[in-house]
Amino acid sequence: MLPIGQKAMVALASLAGLMTIGALVYVLVAPPAYLHRTRDGVAYFTPPVIDPINGRALNVERLAAYYKGNDAAGRHAVEARPAAAGGRR
């Protein structure tokens, strides 16, 4: 038979484990609306995409902002050539 301190620790650890599993299930089954997409419509946790012209990774969030007309995203969001090669696209 376990002493009272060990019983309390087992109960506390079990409660913490159940709460963690419950929270993860809740977020996966019924996620809040803000976890679905950004304001530009890009899903969270979207990996960068590869530019077929120069092979560099592009941030999808900046790419979406650029094509929606947000000048703050800058030309670097869809830069065709490296800056050292010169010019804008």
C-alpha atoms as a PDB file:
ATOM      1  CA  MET A   1       0.000   0.000   0.000  1.00  0.00           C
ATOM      2  CA  LEU A   2       1.261   3.463  -0.946  1.00  0.00           C
ATOM      3  CA  PRO A   3       1.749   6.197   1.629  1.00  0.00           C
ATOM      4  CA  ILE A   4      -0.616   9.191   1.435  1.00  0.00           C
ATOM      5  CA  GLY A   5       2.012  11.427  -0.201  1.00  0.00           C
ATOM      6  CA  GLN A   6       2.574   9.002  -3.057  1.00  0.00           C
ATOM      7  CA  LYS A   7      -1.181   8.560  -3.519  1.00  0.00           C
ATOM      8  CA  ALA A   8      -1.603  12.324  -3.745  1.00  0.00           C
ATOM      9  CA  MET A   9       1.232  12.585  -6.273  1.00  0.00           C
ATOM     10  CA  VAL A  10      -0.247   9.792  -8.432  1.00  0.00           C
ATOM     11  CA  ALA A  11      -3.630  11.535  -8.330  1.00  0.00           C
ATOM     12  CA  LEU A  12      -2.106  14.894  -9.246  1.00  0.00           C
ATOM     13  CA  ALA A  13      -0.050  13.431 -12.107  1.00  0.00           C
ATOM     14  CA  SER A  14      -3.076  11.526 -13.402  1.00  0.00           C
ATOM     15  CA  LEU A  15      -5.228  14.670 -13.275  1.00  0.00           C
ATOM     16  CA  ALA A  16      -2.588  16.681 -15.133  1.00  0.00           C
ATOM     17  CA  GLY A  17      -2.252  13.975 -17.780  1.00  0.00           C
ATOM     18  CA  LEU A  18      -6.013  13.766 -18.308  1.00  0.00           C
ATOM     19  CA  MET A  19      -6.311  17.542 -18.558  1.00  0.00           C
ATOM     20  CA  THR A  20      -3.504  17.652 -21.130  1.00  0.00           C
ATOM     21  CA  ILE A  21      -5.043  14.915 -23.258  1.00  0.00           C
ATOM     22  CA  GLY A  22      -8.477  16.549 -22.950  1.00  0.00           C
ATOM     23  CA  ALA A  23      -7.143  19.933 -24.062  1.00  0.00           C
ATOM     24  CA  LEU A  24      -5.353  18.412 -27.065  1.00  0.00           C
ATOM     25  CA  VAL A  25      -8.473  16.499 -28.110  1.00  0.00           C
ATOM     26  CA  TYR A  26     -10.574  19.655 -27.752  1.00  0.00           C
ATOM     27  CA  VAL A  27      -8.225  21.722 -29.909  1.00  0.00           C
ATOM     28  CA  LEU A  28      -8.053  19.019 -32.597  1.00  0.00           C
ATOM     29  CA  VAL A  29     -11.791  18.210 -32.659  1.00  0.00           C
ATOM     30  CA  ALA A  30     -13.313  21.680 -32.189  1.00  0.00           C
ATOM     31  CA  PRO A  31     -10.584  24.277 -32.680  1.00  0.00           C
ATOM     32  CA  PRO A  32     -11.400  27.929 -32.049  1.00  0.00           C
ATOM     33  CA  ALA A  33     -12.021  30.007 -35.169  1.00  0.00           C
ATOM     34  CA  TYR A  34      -8.786  31.973 -34.805  1.00  0.00           C
ATOM     35  CA  LEU A  35      -6.724  28.795 -35.168  1.00  0.00           C
ATOM     36  CA  HIS A  36      -7.996  28.067 -38.658  1.00  0.00           C
ATOM     37  CA  ARG A  37      -6.611  30.821 -40.886  1.00  0.00           C
ATOM     38  CA  THR A  38      -4.826  34.149 -40.791  1.00  0.00           C
ATOM     39  CA  ARG A  39      -6.497  37.366 -41.879  1.00  0.00           C
ATOM     40  CA  ASP A  40      -5.087  36.865 -45.381  1.00  0.00           C
ATOM     41  CA  GLY A  41      -6.614  33.392 -45.621  1.00  0.00           C
ATOM     42  CA  VAL A  42      -3.408  31.423 -45.091  1.00  0.00           C
ATOM     43  CA  ALA A  43      -3.685  28.409 -42.831  1.00  0.00           C
ATOM     44  CA  TYR A  44      -1.533  28.494 -39.734  1.00  0.00           C
ATOM     45  CA  PHE A  45       1.500  26.203 -39.753  1.00  0.00           C
ATOM     46  CA  THR A  46       1.789  26.475 -43.538  1.00  0.00           C
ATOM     47  CA  PRO A  47       5.360  25.706 -44.602  1.00  0.00           C
ATOM     48  CA  PRO A  48       7.201  28.028 -46.973  1.00  0.00           C
ATOM     49  CA  VAL A  49       6.873  27.368 -50.701  1.00  0.00           C
ATOM     50  CA  ILE A  50       9.742  27.185 -53.161  1.00  0.00           C
ATOM     51  CA  ASP A  51      10.024  29.814 -55.867  1.00  0.00           C
ATOM     52  CA  PRO A  52      10.416  27.873 -59.139  1.00  0.00           C
ATOM     53  CA  ILE A  53      12.538  30.638 -60.675  1.00  0.00           C
ATOM     54  CA  ASN A  54      15.319  30.956 -58.122  1.00  0.00           C
ATOM     55  CA  GLY A  55      14.704  28.032 -55.755  1.00  0.00           C
ATOM     56  CA  ARG A  56      14.451  30.198 -52.631  1.00  0.00           C
ATOM     57  CA  ALA A  57      11.800  29.694 -49.964  1.00  0.00           C
ATOM     58  CA  LEU A  58       8.902  32.157 -49.908  1.00  0.00           C
ATOM     59  CA  ASN A  59       6.814  32.939 -46.851  1.00  0.00           C
ATOM     60  CA  VAL A  60       3.213  32.144 -47.819  1.00  0.00           C
ATOM     61  CA  GLU A  61       1.800  34.851 -45.535  1.00  0.00           C
ATOM     62  CA  ARG A  62       3.882  37.569 -47.237  1.00  0.00           C
ATOM     63  CA  LEU A  63       3.081  36.100 -50.636  1.00  0.00           C
ATOM     64  CA  ALA A  64      -0.670  36.276 -49.948  1.00  0.00           C
ATOM     65  CA  ALA A  65      -0.378  39.837 -48.646  1.00  0.00           C
ATOM     66  CA  TYR A  66       1.559  40.845 -51.772  1.00  0.00           C
ATOM     67  CA  TYR A  67      -1.046  39.440 -54.147  1.00  0.00           C
ATOM     68  CA  LYS A  68      -3.853  41.040 -52.159  1.00  0.00           C
ATOM     69  CA  GLY A  69      -2.224  44.410 -52.791  1.00  0.00           C
ATOM     70  CA  ASN A  70      -0.514  45.017 -49.469  1.00  0.00           C
ATOM     71  CA  ASP A  71       2.560  47.078 -50.372  1.00  0.00           C
ATOM     72  CA  ALA A  72       3.979  46.550 -46.876  1.00  0.00           C
ATOM     73  CA  ALA A  73       4.801  42.972 -47.909  1.00  0.00           C
ATOM     74  CA  GLY A  74       7.328  44.458 -50.303  1.00  0.00           C
ATOM     75  CA  ARG A  75       8.785  43.187 -53.521  1.00  0.00           C
ATOM     76  CA  HIS A  76      10.904  40.645 -51.640  1.00  0.00           C
ATOM     77  CA  ALA A  77       7.819  38.505 -51.158  1.00  0.00           C
ATOM     78  CA  VAL A  78       7.900  37.528 -54.838  1.00  0.00           C
ATOM     79  CA  GLU A  79      11.393  38.520 -55.846  1.00  0.00           C
ATOM     80  CA  ALA A  80      12.276  36.730 -59.083  1.00  0.00           C
ATOM     81  CA  ARG A  81      16.038  37.226 -58.980  1.00  0.00           C
ATOM     82  CA  PRO A  82      18.413  37.567 -56.070  1.00  0.00           C
ATOM     83  CA  ALA A  83      19.110  41.208 -55.191  1.00  0.00           C
ATOM     84  CA  ALA A  84      22.757  40.784 -56.206  1.00  0.00           C
ATOM     85  CA  ALA A  85      21.679  39.862 -59.758  1.00  0.00           C
ATOM     86  CA  GLY A  86      19.973  43.231 -59.983  1.00  0.00           C
ATOM     87  CA  GLY A  87      16.663  44.706 -60.888  1.00  0.00           C
ATOM     88  CA  ARG A  88      13.065  44.215 -60.064  1.00  0.00           C
ATOM     89  CA  ARG A  89      10.781  41.820 -61.719  1.00  0.00           C
END
